[in-house]
Amino acid sequence: MNIFTEALTSKEKSDIIPEDKNYFGQFVGAWKFDGEYLNDKGELCTSKGEWVFSWVLEGKAVQDVFIWPPRGERDGVLGDNEYGTTLRFYNPETGKWDIIYSDNGIPILLEADRLGKNIVLTERSQGKMQWIFSDICENSFVWRSVYHEEDGSLKQLAKLDVRRV
């Protein structure tokens, strides 16, 4: 392990995160997924990917690396490829999670909380985009990206069926 990785990663969560707000600790580890998504032309496409989560910053945050398609299957062409990271911080003042994601240099800021059995991340500027973790089990979950249209309808942009490696 190199010095940067040692300084960044943690083996466990910090005590500043209450157990009942520990939404993302359950995902720490390596995952693979089968996904479908709408491309820029509105066509439904499928792909496989990998997703790795870790405690970071003395256990005060959970970070992931999201790779779609997975390493070894990437052609290096921009477009439908993603190689991004999400950093999730528990905010003790709000009781929610503050989140930043980027894969292309443009950050997306979100806030996460529980809604029933789901974990819902809502984009902060307009609140129209949400990322939803649902059907959460020990070794699998479903992740969806949805967009709230002006007419009130919900458009699914992506759906991933995720399983632990």
N, C-alpha and C. Protein backbone atom coordinates (compact mmCIF):
# COMPACT_ATOMS: atom_id res chain seq x y z
N MET A 1 0.86 -1.18 0.00
CA MET A 1 0.00 0.00 0.00
C MET A 1 0.90 1.24 0.00
N ASN A 2 0.58 2.20 -0.84
CA ASN A 2 1.43 3.39 -0.87
C ASN A 2 1.01 4.38 0.22
N ILE A 3 1.84 5.37 0.46
CA ILE A 3 1.63 6.30 1.57
C ILE A 3 0.33 7.10 1.41
N PHE A 4 -0.04 7.46 0.17
CA PHE A 4 -1.28 8.19 -0.04
C PHE A 4 -2.49 7.33 0.35
N THR A 5 -2.50 6.09 -0.11
CA THR A 5 -3.61 5.18 0.21
C THR A 5 -3.70 4.97 1.71
N GLU A 6 -2.57 4.79 2.38
CA GLU A 6 -2.56 4.64 3.84
C GLU A 6 -3.15 5.86 4.53
N ALA A 7 -2.79 7.04 4.06
CA ALA A 7 -3.28 8.27 4.67
C ALA A 7 -4.77 8.49 4.40
N LEU A 8 -5.25 8.04 3.26
CA LEU A 8 -6.64 8.27 2.87
C LEU A 8 -7.62 7.27 3.49
N THR A 9 -7.32 5.99 3.39
CA THR A 9 -8.31 4.97 3.76
C THR A 9 -8.32 4.69 5.26
N SER A 10 -9.46 4.17 5.70
CA SER A 10 -9.67 3.81 7.11
C SER A 10 -10.29 2.43 7.17
N LYS A 11 -10.06 1.76 8.28
CA LYS A 11 -10.63 0.42 8.45
C LYS A 11 -12.07 0.45 8.98
N GLU A 12 -12.47 1.55 9.59
CA GLU A 12 -13.81 1.61 10.19
C GLU A 12 -14.31 3.04 10.24
N LYS A 13 -15.57 3.18 10.56
CA LYS A 13 -16.18 4.50 10.62
C LYS A 13 -15.78 5.22 11.90
N SER A 14 -15.86 6.53 11.85
CA SER A 14 -15.63 7.38 12.99
C SER A 14 -16.86 7.38 13.90
N ASP A 15 -16.66 7.64 15.16
CA ASP A 15 -17.76 7.74 16.12
C ASP A 15 -18.65 8.96 15.87
N ILE A 16 -18.22 9.91 15.02
CA ILE A 16 -19.09 11.07 14.76
C ILE A 16 -20.31 10.67 13.92
N ILE A 17 -20.27 9.48 13.31
CA ILE A 17 -21.41 9.00 12.52
C ILE A 17 -22.25 8.08 13.40
N PRO A 18 -23.46 8.51 13.76
CA PRO A 18 -24.31 7.64 14.58
C PRO A 18 -24.68 6.37 13.81
N GLU A 19 -24.87 5.28 14.51
CA GLU A 19 -25.21 4.01 13.86
C GLU A 19 -26.46 4.14 12.99
N ASP A 20 -27.46 4.88 13.47
CA ASP A 20 -28.70 4.99 12.69
C ASP A 20 -28.55 5.87 11.46
N LYS A 21 -27.42 6.55 11.30
CA LYS A 21 -27.15 7.37 10.12
C LYS A 21 -26.02 6.77 9.26
N ASN A 22 -25.59 5.58 9.60
CA ASN A 22 -24.50 4.92 8.90
C ASN A 22 -25.03 4.25 7.61
N TYR A 23 -25.54 5.05 6.71
CA TYR A 23 -26.18 4.55 5.50
C TYR A 23 -25.21 3.87 4.54
N PHE A 24 -23.99 4.40 4.44
CA PHE A 24 -23.09 3.97 3.37
C PHE A 24 -22.03 2.97 3.81
N GLY A 25 -21.86 2.78 5.11
CA GLY A 25 -20.87 1.81 5.59
C GLY A 25 -21.15 0.40 5.11
N GLN A 26 -22.42 0.08 4.91
CA GLN A 26 -22.78 -1.27 4.46
C GLN A 26 -22.28 -1.58 3.05
N PHE A 27 -21.89 -0.55 2.30
CA PHE A 27 -21.43 -0.76 0.94
C PHE A 27 -19.91 -0.89 0.82
N VAL A 28 -19.18 -0.70 1.92
CA VAL A 28 -17.72 -0.78 1.87
C VAL A 28 -17.32 -2.16 1.34
N GLY A 29 -16.50 -2.15 0.31
CA GLY A 29 -16.05 -3.38 -0.34
C GLY A 29 -16.15 -3.24 -1.85
N ALA A 30 -16.00 -4.36 -2.53
CA ALA A 30 -15.99 -4.38 -3.99
C ALA A 30 -17.29 -4.97 -4.51
N TRP A 31 -17.80 -4.37 -5.59
CA TRP A 31 -19.07 -4.76 -6.20
C TRP A 31 -18.91 -4.79 -7.72
N LYS A 32 -19.76 -5.58 -8.36
CA LYS A 32 -19.90 -5.58 -9.81
C LYS A 32 -21.36 -5.32 -10.13
N PHE A 33 -21.62 -4.80 -11.32
CA PHE A 33 -23.02 -4.55 -11.67
C PHE A 33 -23.28 -4.76 -13.15
N ASP A 34 -24.54 -5.03 -13.44
CA ASP A 34 -25.09 -5.01 -14.78
C ASP A 34 -25.99 -3.80 -14.82
N GLY A 35 -25.85 -2.98 -15.85
CA GLY A 35 -26.62 -1.75 -15.89
C GLY A 35 -27.25 -1.48 -17.23
N GLU A 36 -28.28 -0.65 -17.16
CA GLU A 36 -28.88 -0.11 -18.36
C GLU A 36 -29.00 1.40 -18.17
N TYR A 37 -28.87 2.13 -19.28
CA TYR A 37 -28.88 3.59 -19.18
C TYR A 37 -29.34 4.17 -20.51
N LEU A 38 -29.81 5.39 -20.44
CA LEU A 38 -30.16 6.14 -21.65
C LEU A 38 -28.92 6.92 -22.09
N ASN A 39 -28.50 6.72 -23.34
CA ASN A 39 -27.34 7.47 -23.83
C ASN A 39 -27.79 8.86 -24.28
N ASP A 40 -26.85 9.64 -24.81
CA ASP A 40 -27.14 11.02 -25.22
C ASP A 40 -28.21 11.10 -26.31
N LYS A 41 -28.42 10.03 -27.06
CA LYS A 41 -29.43 9.99 -28.11
C LYS A 41 -30.78 9.47 -27.61
N GLY A 42 -30.86 9.15 -26.30
CA GLY A 42 -32.10 8.62 -25.74
C GLY A 42 -32.29 7.14 -25.98
N GLU A 43 -31.24 6.46 -26.41
CA GLU A 43 -31.31 5.03 -26.67
C GLU A 43 -30.97 4.26 -25.39
N LEU A 44 -31.68 3.15 -25.14
CA LEU A 44 -31.41 2.31 -23.99
C LEU A 44 -30.22 1.42 -24.30
N CYS A 45 -29.18 1.50 -23.49
CA CYS A 45 -27.96 0.72 -23.67
C CYS A 45 -27.70 -0.11 -22.42
N THR A 46 -26.87 -1.14 -22.55
CA THR A 46 -26.51 -1.96 -21.40
C THR A 46 -24.99 -2.00 -21.28
N SER A 47 -24.54 -2.26 -20.07
CA SER A 47 -23.11 -2.35 -19.81
C SER A 47 -22.89 -3.01 -18.46
N LYS A 48 -21.69 -3.47 -18.25
CA LYS A 48 -21.27 -3.99 -16.95
C LYS A 48 -20.33 -2.96 -16.33
N GLY A 49 -20.12 -3.06 -15.02
CA GLY A 49 -19.21 -2.14 -14.37
C GLY A 49 -18.74 -2.66 -13.03
N GLU A 50 -17.90 -1.88 -12.40
CA GLU A 50 -17.42 -2.20 -11.05
C GLU A 50 -17.52 -0.96 -10.18
N TRP A 51 -17.66 -1.21 -8.88
CA TRP A 51 -17.89 -0.13 -7.93
C TRP A 51 -17.18 -0.54 -6.64
N VAL A 52 -16.28 0.29 -6.15
CA VAL A 52 -15.51 -0.02 -4.95
C VAL A 52 -15.70 1.10 -3.94
N PHE A 53 -16.08 0.73 -2.71
CA PHE A 53 -16.33 1.68 -1.63
C PHE A 53 -15.31 1.46 -0.51
N SER A 54 -14.92 2.57 0.17
CA SER A 54 -14.01 2.47 1.31
C SER A 54 -14.30 3.59 2.30
N TRP A 55 -14.07 3.28 3.58
CA TRP A 55 -14.02 4.35 4.58
C TRP A 55 -12.78 5.17 4.29
N VAL A 56 -12.86 6.49 4.44
CA VAL A 56 -11.72 7.38 4.24
C VAL A 56 -11.71 8.46 5.31
N LEU A 57 -10.60 9.19 5.37
CA LEU A 57 -10.46 10.37 6.25
C LEU A 57 -10.81 10.04 7.69
N GLU A 58 -10.10 9.06 8.24
CA GLU A 58 -10.30 8.59 9.62
C GLU A 58 -11.72 8.10 9.86
N GLY A 59 -12.35 7.56 8.82
CA GLY A 59 -13.69 7.01 8.97
C GLY A 59 -14.79 8.05 9.02
N LYS A 60 -14.49 9.29 8.67
CA LYS A 60 -15.49 10.35 8.68
C LYS A 60 -16.26 10.45 7.37
N ALA A 61 -15.83 9.68 6.37
CA ALA A 61 -16.46 9.73 5.05
C ALA A 61 -16.36 8.37 4.38
N VAL A 62 -17.22 8.17 3.39
CA VAL A 62 -17.15 6.99 2.54
C VAL A 62 -16.90 7.48 1.12
N GLN A 63 -15.88 6.91 0.49
CA GLN A 63 -15.55 7.27 -0.89
C GLN A 63 -15.70 6.04 -1.76
N ASP A 64 -16.11 6.27 -3.01
CA ASP A 64 -16.17 5.16 -3.94
C ASP A 64 -15.45 5.51 -5.22
N VAL A 65 -15.15 4.48 -5.99
CA VAL A 65 -14.68 4.61 -7.36
C VAL A 65 -15.68 3.84 -8.21
N PHE A 66 -16.26 4.54 -9.18
CA PHE A 66 -17.30 3.99 -10.04
C PHE A 66 -16.72 3.84 -11.44
N ILE A 67 -16.67 2.61 -11.96
CA ILE A 67 -16.00 2.34 -13.22
C ILE A 67 -16.97 1.61 -14.15
N TRP A 68 -17.30 2.28 -15.28
CA TRP A 68 -18.31 1.74 -16.19
C TRP A 68 -17.87 1.99 -17.61
N PRO A 69 -17.54 1.05 -18.43
CA PRO A 69 -17.41 -0.38 -18.16
C PRO A 69 -16.19 -0.67 -17.28
N PRO A 70 -16.09 -1.91 -16.78
CA PRO A 70 -15.03 -2.22 -15.82
C PRO A 70 -13.64 -2.16 -16.45
N ARG A 71 -12.64 -2.05 -15.58
CA ARG A 71 -11.25 -2.09 -16.05
C ARG A 71 -11.04 -3.37 -16.85
N GLY A 72 -10.23 -3.30 -17.86
CA GLY A 72 -9.99 -4.44 -18.72
C GLY A 72 -10.95 -4.51 -19.90
N GLU A 73 -12.07 -3.79 -19.81
CA GLU A 73 -13.05 -3.76 -20.90
C GLU A 73 -13.23 -2.35 -21.45
N ARG A 74 -12.45 -1.42 -20.96
CA ARG A 74 -12.60 -0.02 -21.37
C ARG A 74 -11.81 0.22 -22.65
N ASP A 75 -12.39 0.97 -23.58
CA ASP A 75 -11.70 1.23 -24.84
C ASP A 75 -11.04 2.60 -24.86
N GLY A 76 -11.18 3.38 -23.79
CA GLY A 76 -10.53 4.68 -23.71
C GLY A 76 -11.26 5.78 -24.46
N VAL A 77 -12.36 5.44 -25.11
CA VAL A 77 -13.13 6.43 -25.87
C VAL A 77 -14.09 7.14 -24.92
N LEU A 78 -14.12 8.45 -25.01
CA LEU A 78 -15.07 9.20 -24.19
C LEU A 78 -16.49 8.93 -24.66
N GLY A 79 -17.44 9.31 -23.89
CA GLY A 79 -18.83 9.09 -24.25
C GLY A 79 -19.55 8.42 -23.12
N ASP A 80 -19.91 7.16 -23.31
CA ASP A 80 -20.67 6.45 -22.29
C ASP A 80 -19.80 5.88 -21.17
N ASN A 81 -18.50 6.06 -21.24
CA ASN A 81 -17.60 5.59 -20.19
C ASN A 81 -17.67 6.51 -18.98
N GLU A 82 -17.55 5.93 -17.80
CA GLU A 82 -17.40 6.72 -16.57
C GLU A 82 -16.29 6.11 -15.74
N TYR A 83 -15.48 6.96 -15.15
CA TYR A 83 -14.46 6.57 -14.18
C TYR A 83 -14.46 7.70 -13.18
N GLY A 84 -15.36 7.59 -12.19
CA GLY A 84 -15.58 8.71 -11.29
C GLY A 84 -15.44 8.32 -9.84
N THR A 85 -15.58 9.32 -9.00
CA THR A 85 -15.53 9.08 -7.56
C THR A 85 -16.59 9.92 -6.87
N THR A 86 -17.11 9.35 -5.80
CA THR A 86 -18.08 10.03 -4.94
C THR A 86 -17.49 10.09 -3.54
N LEU A 87 -17.59 11.23 -2.91
CA LEU A 87 -17.14 11.42 -1.54
C LEU A 87 -18.35 11.81 -0.72
N ARG A 88 -18.64 11.01 0.32
CA ARG A 88 -19.83 11.20 1.16
C ARG A 88 -19.41 11.52 2.59
N PHE A 89 -19.83 12.68 3.09
CA PHE A 89 -19.53 13.11 4.46
C PHE A 89 -20.82 13.17 5.26
N TYR A 90 -20.83 12.57 6.43
CA TYR A 90 -21.97 12.75 7.33
C TYR A 90 -21.88 14.15 7.92
N ASN A 91 -23.00 14.89 7.90
CA ASN A 91 -23.05 16.25 8.43
C ASN A 91 -23.82 16.23 9.75
N PRO A 92 -23.11 16.32 10.88
CA PRO A 92 -23.80 16.24 12.18
C PRO A 92 -24.76 17.41 12.43
N GLU A 93 -24.59 18.53 11.73
CA GLU A 93 -25.49 19.66 11.91
C GLU A 93 -26.86 19.41 11.27
N THR A 94 -26.89 18.73 10.14
CA THR A 94 -28.16 18.48 9.45
C THR A 94 -28.68 17.06 9.68
N GLY A 95 -27.79 16.15 10.09
CA GLY A 95 -28.18 14.74 10.23
C GLY A 95 -28.29 14.04 8.88
N LYS A 96 -27.79 14.68 7.83
CA LYS A 96 -27.82 14.10 6.48
C LYS A 96 -26.39 13.95 5.99
N TRP A 97 -26.24 13.43 4.78
CA TRP A 97 -24.93 13.25 4.18
C TRP A 97 -24.73 14.28 3.07
N ASP A 98 -23.60 14.98 3.08
CA ASP A 98 -23.22 15.89 2.01
C ASP A 98 -22.32 15.11 1.06
N ILE A 99 -22.60 15.25 -0.25
CA ILE A 99 -21.97 14.37 -1.23
C ILE A 99 -21.49 15.18 -2.43
N ILE A 100 -20.34 14.79 -2.96
CA ILE A 100 -19.83 15.36 -4.20
C ILE A 100 -19.40 14.20 -5.10
N TYR A 101 -19.80 14.27 -6.37
CA TYR A 101 -19.43 13.27 -7.36
C TYR A 101 -18.85 13.98 -8.58
N SER A 102 -17.83 13.36 -9.18
CA SER A 102 -17.34 13.87 -10.46
C SER A 102 -16.62 12.75 -11.20
N ASP A 103 -16.81 12.74 -12.51
CA ASP A 103 -16.00 11.87 -13.35
C ASP A 103 -15.41 12.65 -14.51
N ASN A 104 -15.82 13.88 -14.67
CA ASN A 104 -15.36 14.65 -15.82
C ASN A 104 -14.91 16.06 -15.44
N GLY A 105 -14.63 16.27 -14.17
CA GLY A 105 -14.18 17.58 -13.71
C GLY A 105 -15.31 18.51 -13.32
N ILE A 106 -16.54 18.12 -13.61
CA ILE A 106 -17.70 18.93 -13.22
C ILE A 106 -18.34 18.28 -12.01
N PRO A 107 -18.29 18.92 -10.84
CA PRO A 107 -18.84 18.29 -9.64
C PRO A 107 -20.37 18.32 -9.63
N ILE A 108 -20.93 17.26 -9.09
CA ILE A 108 -22.37 17.21 -8.80
C ILE A 108 -22.49 17.17 -7.29
N LEU A 109 -23.21 18.11 -6.71
CA LEU A 109 -23.40 18.18 -5.27
C LEU A 109 -24.76 17.60 -4.93
N LEU A 110 -24.79 16.70 -3.95
CA LEU A 110 -26.02 16.05 -3.55
C LEU A 110 -26.12 16.02 -2.03
N GLU A 111 -27.31 15.70 -1.56
CA GLU A 111 -27.55 15.50 -0.13
C GLU A 111 -28.32 14.19 0.00
N ALA A 112 -27.96 13.36 0.97
CA ALA A 112 -28.59 12.05 1.12
C ALA A 112 -29.28 11.90 2.46
N ASP A 113 -30.40 11.19 2.40
CA ASP A 113 -31.14 10.82 3.61
C ASP A 113 -31.93 9.57 3.30
N ARG A 114 -32.48 8.97 4.33
CA ARG A 114 -33.33 7.79 4.15
C ARG A 114 -34.74 8.22 3.80
N LEU A 115 -35.36 7.44 2.94
CA LEU A 115 -36.77 7.60 2.63
C LEU A 115 -37.34 6.18 2.66
N GLY A 116 -37.95 5.82 3.78
CA GLY A 116 -38.37 4.44 3.98
C GLY A 116 -37.14 3.55 4.05
N LYS A 117 -37.13 2.50 3.24
CA LYS A 117 -35.99 1.58 3.20
C LYS A 117 -34.92 2.02 2.20
N ASN A 118 -35.19 3.07 1.45
CA ASN A 118 -34.27 3.54 0.42
C ASN A 118 -33.35 4.63 0.95
N ILE A 119 -32.19 4.74 0.32
CA ILE A 119 -31.29 5.87 0.55
C ILE A 119 -31.41 6.74 -0.70
N VAL A 120 -31.82 7.99 -0.52
CA VAL A 120 -32.08 8.87 -1.65
C VAL A 120 -31.11 10.04 -1.61
N LEU A 121 -30.37 10.20 -2.71
CA LEU A 121 -29.43 11.29 -2.89
C LEU A 121 -30.08 12.27 -3.85
N THR A 122 -30.25 13.51 -3.43
CA THR A 122 -30.90 14.52 -4.26
C THR A 122 -29.90 15.60 -4.63
N GLU A 123 -29.84 15.88 -5.93
CA GLU A 123 -28.94 16.92 -6.44
C GLU A 123 -29.38 18.25 -5.84
N ARG A 124 -28.42 19.05 -5.40
CA ARG A 124 -28.72 20.21 -4.56
C ARG A 124 -29.15 21.47 -5.30
N SER A 125 -28.73 21.69 -6.54
CA SER A 125 -29.03 22.98 -7.17
C SER A 125 -30.49 23.11 -7.56
N GLN A 126 -31.07 22.10 -8.19
CA GLN A 126 -32.46 22.17 -8.62
C GLN A 126 -33.33 21.09 -7.99
N GLY A 127 -32.72 20.05 -7.45
CA GLY A 127 -33.47 18.97 -6.81
C GLY A 127 -34.22 18.08 -7.78
N LYS A 128 -33.90 18.16 -9.06
CA LYS A 128 -34.63 17.37 -10.07
C LYS A 128 -34.02 15.99 -10.30
N MET A 129 -32.74 15.83 -10.00
CA MET A 129 -32.08 14.55 -10.20
C MET A 129 -31.91 13.85 -8.86
N GLN A 130 -32.17 12.54 -8.86
CA GLN A 130 -31.96 11.75 -7.65
C GLN A 130 -31.25 10.46 -8.01
N TRP A 131 -30.43 10.00 -7.08
CA TRP A 131 -29.82 8.68 -7.15
C TRP A 131 -30.42 7.90 -6.00
N ILE A 132 -30.92 6.71 -6.25
CA ILE A 132 -31.66 5.96 -5.25
C ILE A 132 -31.04 4.57 -5.07
N PHE A 133 -30.65 4.26 -3.84
CA PHE A 133 -30.22 2.92 -3.46
C PHE A 133 -31.46 2.22 -2.89
N SER A 134 -31.86 1.10 -3.49
CA SER A 134 -33.05 0.38 -3.03
C SER A 134 -32.79 -1.12 -3.03
N ASP A 135 -33.77 -1.87 -2.52
CA ASP A 135 -33.66 -3.34 -2.47
C ASP A 135 -32.32 -3.75 -1.86
N ILE A 136 -31.94 -3.08 -0.78
CA ILE A 136 -30.62 -3.26 -0.18
C ILE A 136 -30.58 -4.54 0.65
N CYS A 137 -29.68 -5.43 0.29
CA CYS A 137 -29.42 -6.66 1.03
C CYS A 137 -27.92 -6.71 1.33
N GLU A 138 -27.49 -7.71 2.07
CA GLU A 138 -26.08 -7.79 2.43
C GLU A 138 -25.17 -7.88 1.21
N ASN A 139 -25.60 -8.58 0.18
CA ASN A 139 -24.74 -8.82 -0.97
C ASN A 139 -25.29 -8.30 -2.29
N SER A 140 -26.29 -7.43 -2.22
CA SER A 140 -26.84 -6.87 -3.46
C SER A 140 -27.65 -5.61 -3.15
N PHE A 141 -27.82 -4.79 -4.17
CA PHE A 141 -28.73 -3.65 -4.09
C PHE A 141 -29.03 -3.18 -5.51
N VAL A 142 -30.01 -2.33 -5.63
CA VAL A 142 -30.35 -1.71 -6.90
C VAL A 142 -30.06 -0.22 -6.77
N TRP A 143 -29.46 0.35 -7.80
CA TRP A 143 -29.18 1.78 -7.83
C TRP A 143 -29.84 2.35 -9.08
N ARG A 144 -30.54 3.47 -8.90
CA ARG A 144 -31.19 4.12 -10.03
C ARG A 144 -30.86 5.60 -10.04
N SER A 145 -30.75 6.14 -11.25
CA SER A 145 -30.64 7.58 -11.46
C SER A 145 -31.94 8.01 -12.13
N VAL A 146 -32.65 8.95 -11.51
CA VAL A 146 -33.93 9.40 -12.05
C VAL A 146 -33.93 10.92 -12.16
N TYR A 147 -34.79 11.42 -13.05
CA TYR A 147 -34.91 12.86 -13.26
C TYR A 147 -36.38 13.23 -13.20
N HIS A 148 -36.70 14.26 -12.42
CA HIS A 148 -38.07 14.75 -12.30
C HIS A 148 -38.31 15.78 -13.40
N GLU A 149 -39.17 15.42 -14.37
CA GLU A 149 -39.48 16.29 -15.50
C GLU A 149 -40.38 17.45 -15.05
N GLU A 150 -40.44 18.50 -15.86
CA GLU A 150 -41.27 19.67 -15.56
C GLU A 150 -42.75 19.31 -15.40
N ASP A 151 -43.22 18.30 -16.15
CA ASP A 151 -44.63 17.91 -16.08
C ASP A 151 -44.94 17.01 -14.89
N GLY A 152 -43.94 16.76 -14.03
CA GLY A 152 -44.15 15.94 -12.84
C GLY A 152 -43.83 14.47 -13.05
N SER A 153 -43.57 14.07 -14.29
CA SER A 153 -43.25 12.67 -14.54
C SER A 153 -41.80 12.38 -14.13
N LEU A 154 -41.52 11.11 -13.95
CA LEU A 154 -40.20 10.67 -13.53
C LEU A 154 -39.55 9.90 -14.68
N LYS A 155 -38.35 10.30 -15.05
CA LYS A 155 -37.63 9.65 -16.15
C LYS A 155 -36.45 8.89 -15.55
N GLN A 156 -36.38 7.59 -15.79
CA GLN A 156 -35.25 6.80 -15.30
C GLN A 156 -34.11 6.92 -16.29
N LEU A 157 -32.96 7.41 -15.81
CA LEU A 157 -31.79 7.60 -16.66
C LEU A 157 -30.88 6.37 -16.65
N ALA A 158 -30.84 5.67 -15.52
CA ALA A 158 -29.99 4.49 -15.40
C ALA A 158 -30.50 3.60 -14.28
N LYS A 159 -30.24 2.32 -14.42
CA LYS A 159 -30.56 1.35 -13.37
C LYS A 159 -29.45 0.32 -13.33
N LEU A 160 -28.91 0.06 -12.13
CA LEU A 160 -27.83 -0.90 -11.94
C LEU A 160 -28.30 -1.98 -10.98
N ASP A 161 -28.08 -3.24 -11.36
CA ASP A 161 -28.27 -4.37 -10.45
C ASP A 161 -26.88 -4.74 -9.94
N VAL A 162 -26.65 -4.48 -8.65
CA VAL A 162 -25.31 -4.52 -8.08
C VAL A 162 -25.18 -5.71 -7.14
N ARG A 163 -24.05 -6.41 -7.22
CA ARG A 163 -23.80 -7.57 -6.35
C ARG A 163 -22.36 -7.52 -5.82
N ARG A 164 -22.22 -7.96 -4.58
CA ARG A 164 -20.91 -7.93 -3.91
C ARG A 164 -19.97 -8.95 -4.55
N VAL A 165 -18.71 -8.58 -4.67
CA VAL A 165 -17.67 -9.47 -5.22
C VAL A 165 -17.13 -10.30 -4.08
